[in-house]
Amino acid sequence: MKKYLGFIAATFMLVEVIGVGSAIAGDKYGAVATGSGNAYGYAYNYDTQSGAEAAALSECGNNCAVQVWFANACGAVAKGGGSLGWAWNTNESTAKSNALAQCGNGSCEIAVWACTDR
């Protein structure tokens, strides 16, 4: 009987470990959308790219477009002087600096950024 209970306990632990591993392993997506009149929306920690994009667009409002999406990383949008730049990277600072560089002029500032938890 002890061997049988030990087997059941070991099987239960294996199932628990596999279940936790699957939950931890899932990708997390984010997206940033911008629109006219300095409108923006962002989303992060969604289970799908399309879910993140839809949430960012919904938050942004009418006449918006997704500028960047990312998985297990950070995204940023820079605006200024009529220019727009966006980028993503696994590092928040790098995503922001790359967005500023893509924006291309000295008046650009980070309009919005977000990072997933993973």
C-alpha atoms as a PDB file:
ATOM      1  CA  MET A   1       0.000   0.000   0.000  1.00  0.00           C
ATOM      2  CA  LYS A   2       2.875   2.415   0.796  1.00  0.00           C
ATOM      3  CA  LYS A   3       4.401   1.853  -2.650  1.00  0.00           C
ATOM      4  CA  TYR A   4       1.042   2.574  -4.270  1.00  0.00           C
ATOM      5  CA  LEU A   5       0.588   5.818  -2.289  1.00  0.00           C
ATOM      6  CA  GLY A   6       4.153   6.843  -3.114  1.00  0.00           C
ATOM      7  CA  PHE A   7       3.476   6.281  -6.797  1.00  0.00           C
ATOM      8  CA  ILE A   8       0.289   8.363  -6.619  1.00  0.00           C
ATOM      9  CA  ALA A   9       2.107  11.155  -4.779  1.00  0.00           C
ATOM     10  CA  ALA A  10       4.970  11.147  -7.294  1.00  0.00           C
ATOM     11  CA  THR A  11       2.516  11.203 -10.207  1.00  0.00           C
ATOM     12  CA  PHE A  12       0.584  14.079  -8.641  1.00  0.00           C
ATOM     13  CA  MET A  13       3.793  16.078  -8.122  1.00  0.00           C
ATOM     14  CA  LEU A  14       4.864  15.468 -11.727  1.00  0.00           C
ATOM     15  CA  VAL A  15       1.494  16.712 -13.010  1.00  0.00           C
ATOM     16  CA  GLU A  16       1.744  19.799 -10.785  1.00  0.00           C
ATOM     17  CA  VAL A  17       5.278  20.604 -11.984  1.00  0.00           C
ATOM     18  CA  ILE A  18       4.303  20.190 -15.635  1.00  0.00           C
ATOM     19  CA  GLY A  19       1.236  22.389 -15.112  1.00  0.00           C
ATOM     20  CA  VAL A  20       3.249  25.147 -13.439  1.00  0.00           C
ATOM     21  CA  GLY A  21       5.921  24.917 -16.126  1.00  0.00           C
ATOM     22  CA  SER A  22       3.314  25.361 -18.838  1.00  0.00           C
ATOM     23  CA  ALA A  23       1.841  28.381 -17.102  1.00  0.00           C
ATOM     24  CA  ILE A  24       5.251  29.990 -16.700  1.00  0.00           C
ATOM     25  CA  ALA A  25       6.350  29.185 -20.239  1.00  0.00           C
ATOM     26  CA  GLY A  26       3.510  31.038 -22.017  1.00  0.00           C
ATOM     27  CA  ASP A  27       4.456  34.036 -24.116  1.00  0.00           C
ATOM     28  CA  LYS A  28       3.068  37.434 -23.140  1.00  0.00           C
ATOM     29  CA  TYR A  29       2.326  40.019 -25.799  1.00  0.00           C
ATOM     30  CA  GLY A  30       2.061  43.769 -25.799  1.00  0.00           C
ATOM     31  CA  ALA A  31       1.224  46.436 -28.357  1.00  0.00           C
ATOM     32  CA  VAL A  32       1.204  50.201 -28.705  1.00  0.00           C
ATOM     33  CA  ALA A  33      -1.175  52.114 -30.988  1.00  0.00           C
ATOM     34  CA  THR A  34      -1.163  55.811 -31.854  1.00  0.00           C
ATOM     35  CA  GLY A  35      -3.516  58.128 -33.678  1.00  0.00           C
ATOM     36  CA  SER A  36      -4.248  61.711 -34.560  1.00  0.00           C
ATOM     37  CA  GLY A  37      -4.311  64.387 -31.885  1.00  0.00           C
ATOM     38  CA  ASN A  38      -1.650  62.613 -29.801  1.00  0.00           C
ATOM     39  CA  ALA A  39      -4.022  59.731 -29.067  1.00  0.00           C
ATOM     40  CA  TYR A  40      -2.402  56.526 -27.901  1.00  0.00           C
ATOM     41  CA  GLY A  41      -3.262  53.212 -26.355  1.00  0.00           C
ATOM     42  CA  TYR A  42      -1.180  50.387 -25.050  1.00  0.00           C
ATOM     43  CA  ALA A  43      -1.636  46.866 -23.787  1.00  0.00           C
ATOM     44  CA  TYR A  44       0.642  44.302 -22.220  1.00  0.00           C
ATOM     45  CA  ASN A  45       0.562  40.805 -20.736  1.00  0.00           C
ATOM     46  CA  TYR A  46      -1.921  39.422 -23.250  1.00  0.00           C
ATOM     47  CA  ASP A  47      -1.794  35.759 -24.241  1.00  0.00           C
ATOM     48  CA  THR A  48      -1.959  36.535 -27.975  1.00  0.00           C
ATOM     49  CA  GLN A  49      -0.590  39.175 -30.312  1.00  0.00           C
ATOM     50  CA  SER A  50      -4.053  39.854 -31.722  1.00  0.00           C
ATOM     51  CA  GLY A  51      -5.469  40.319 -28.211  1.00  0.00           C
ATOM     52  CA  ALA A  52      -2.789  42.866 -27.337  1.00  0.00           C
ATOM     53  CA  GLU A  53      -3.265  44.740 -30.598  1.00  0.00           C
ATOM     54  CA  ALA A  54      -7.060  44.847 -30.195  1.00  0.00           C
ATOM     55  CA  ALA A  55      -6.761  46.160 -26.631  1.00  0.00           C
ATOM     56  CA  ALA A  56      -4.264  48.863 -27.648  1.00  0.00           C
ATOM     57  CA  LEU A  57      -6.508  49.973 -30.512  1.00  0.00           C
ATOM     58  CA  SER A  58      -9.551  49.993 -28.254  1.00  0.00           C
ATOM     59  CA  GLU A  59      -7.794  52.173 -25.692  1.00  0.00           C
ATOM     60  CA  CYS A  60      -6.508  54.533 -28.386  1.00  0.00           C
ATOM     61  CA  GLY A  61      -9.866  55.311 -29.968  1.00  0.00           C
ATOM     62  CA  ASN A  62     -10.800  56.122 -33.561  1.00  0.00           C
ATOM     63  CA  ASN A  63      -8.340  56.473 -36.429  1.00  0.00           C
ATOM     64  CA  CYS A  64      -5.524  54.688 -34.619  1.00  0.00           C
ATOM     65  CA  ALA A  65      -3.015  52.158 -35.873  1.00  0.00           C
ATOM     66  CA  VAL A  66      -0.786  49.670 -34.097  1.00  0.00           C
ATOM     67  CA  GLN A  67       2.759  50.998 -34.287  1.00  0.00           C
ATOM     68  CA  VAL A  68       4.566  48.153 -32.555  1.00  0.00           C
ATOM     69  CA  TRP A  69       3.833  44.785 -30.991  1.00  0.00           C
ATOM     70  CA  PHE A  70       6.188  42.706 -28.900  1.00  0.00           C
ATOM     71  CA  ALA A  71       6.427  39.367 -27.152  1.00  0.00           C
ATOM     72  CA  ASN A  72       8.167  38.928 -23.790  1.00  0.00           C
ATOM     73  CA  ALA A  73       9.716  42.372 -24.191  1.00  0.00           C
ATOM     74  CA  CYS A  74       9.084  46.122 -24.137  1.00  0.00           C
ATOM     75  CA  GLY A  75       7.693  48.490 -26.738  1.00  0.00           C
ATOM     76  CA  ALA A  76       7.920  52.267 -26.963  1.00  0.00           C
ATOM     77  CA  VAL A  77       6.612  55.071 -29.164  1.00  0.00           C
ATOM     78  CA  ALA A  78       8.273  58.480 -29.460  1.00  0.00           C
ATOM     79  CA  LYS A  79       6.568  61.584 -30.890  1.00  0.00           C
ATOM     80  CA  GLY A  80       7.644  65.136 -31.576  1.00  0.00           C
ATOM     81  CA  GLY A  81       7.897  67.790 -34.249  1.00  0.00           C
ATOM     82  CA  GLY A  82       5.534  65.926 -36.542  1.00  0.00           C
ATOM     83  CA  SER A  83       7.657  62.776 -36.409  1.00  0.00           C
ATOM     84  CA  LEU A  84       6.910  59.376 -34.979  1.00  0.00           C
ATOM     85  CA  GLY A  85       9.239  56.536 -34.025  1.00  0.00           C
ATOM     86  CA  TRP A  86       8.651  53.170 -32.441  1.00  0.00           C
ATOM     87  CA  ALA A  87      10.711  50.195 -31.347  1.00  0.00           C
ATOM     88  CA  TRP A  88      10.747  47.089 -29.202  1.00  0.00           C
ATOM     89  CA  ASN A  89      13.498  45.353 -27.273  1.00  0.00           C
ATOM     90  CA  THR A  90      13.886  42.976 -24.372  1.00  0.00           C
ATOM     91  CA  ASN A  91      15.326  45.908 -22.424  1.00  0.00           C
ATOM     92  CA  GLU A  92      13.087  48.877 -21.514  1.00  0.00           C
ATOM     93  CA  SER A  93      15.841  51.501 -21.874  1.00  0.00           C
ATOM     94  CA  THR A  94      16.913  50.187 -25.262  1.00  0.00           C
ATOM     95  CA  ALA A  95      13.332  50.123 -26.556  1.00  0.00           C
ATOM     96  CA  LYS A  96      12.914  53.752 -25.514  1.00  0.00           C
ATOM     97  CA  SER A  97      16.233  54.948 -26.948  1.00  0.00           C
ATOM     98  CA  ASN A  98      15.620  53.111 -30.239  1.00  0.00           C
ATOM     99  CA  ALA A  99      12.166  54.710 -30.518  1.00  0.00           C
ATOM    100  CA  LEU A 100      13.705  58.143 -29.947  1.00  0.00           C
ATOM    101  CA  ALA A 101      16.390  57.443 -32.554  1.00  0.00           C
ATOM    102  CA  GLN A 102      13.801  56.315 -35.110  1.00  0.00           C
ATOM    103  CA  CYS A 103      11.728  59.424 -34.441  1.00  0.00           C
ATOM    104  CA  GLY A 104      14.684  61.340 -35.748  1.00  0.00           C
ATOM    105  CA  ASN A 105      14.587  64.830 -34.311  1.00  0.00           C
ATOM    106  CA  GLY A 106      15.590  66.560 -31.098  1.00  0.00           C
ATOM    107  CA  SER A 107      12.039  67.398 -30.070  1.00  0.00           C
ATOM    108  CA  CYS A 108      10.897  63.769 -29.787  1.00  0.00           C
ATOM    109  CA  GLU A 109       9.841  62.391 -26.434  1.00  0.00           C
ATOM    110  CA  ILE A 110       8.578  58.997 -25.362  1.00  0.00           C
ATOM    111  CA  ALA A 111       4.792  59.146 -25.692  1.00  0.00           C
ATOM    112  CA  VAL A 112       4.096  55.698 -24.293  1.00  0.00           C
ATOM    113  CA  TRP A 113       5.890  52.488 -23.415  1.00  0.00           C
ATOM    114  CA  ALA A 114       5.023  49.134 -21.872  1.00  0.00           C
ATOM    115  CA  CYS A 115       6.771  45.895 -20.909  1.00  0.00           C
ATOM    116  CA  THR A 116       5.332  42.437 -20.439  1.00  0.00           C
ATOM    117  CA  ASP A 117       5.939  40.610 -17.177  1.00  0.00           C
ATOM    118  CA  ARG A 118       7.850  37.898 -18.999  1.00  0.00           C
END
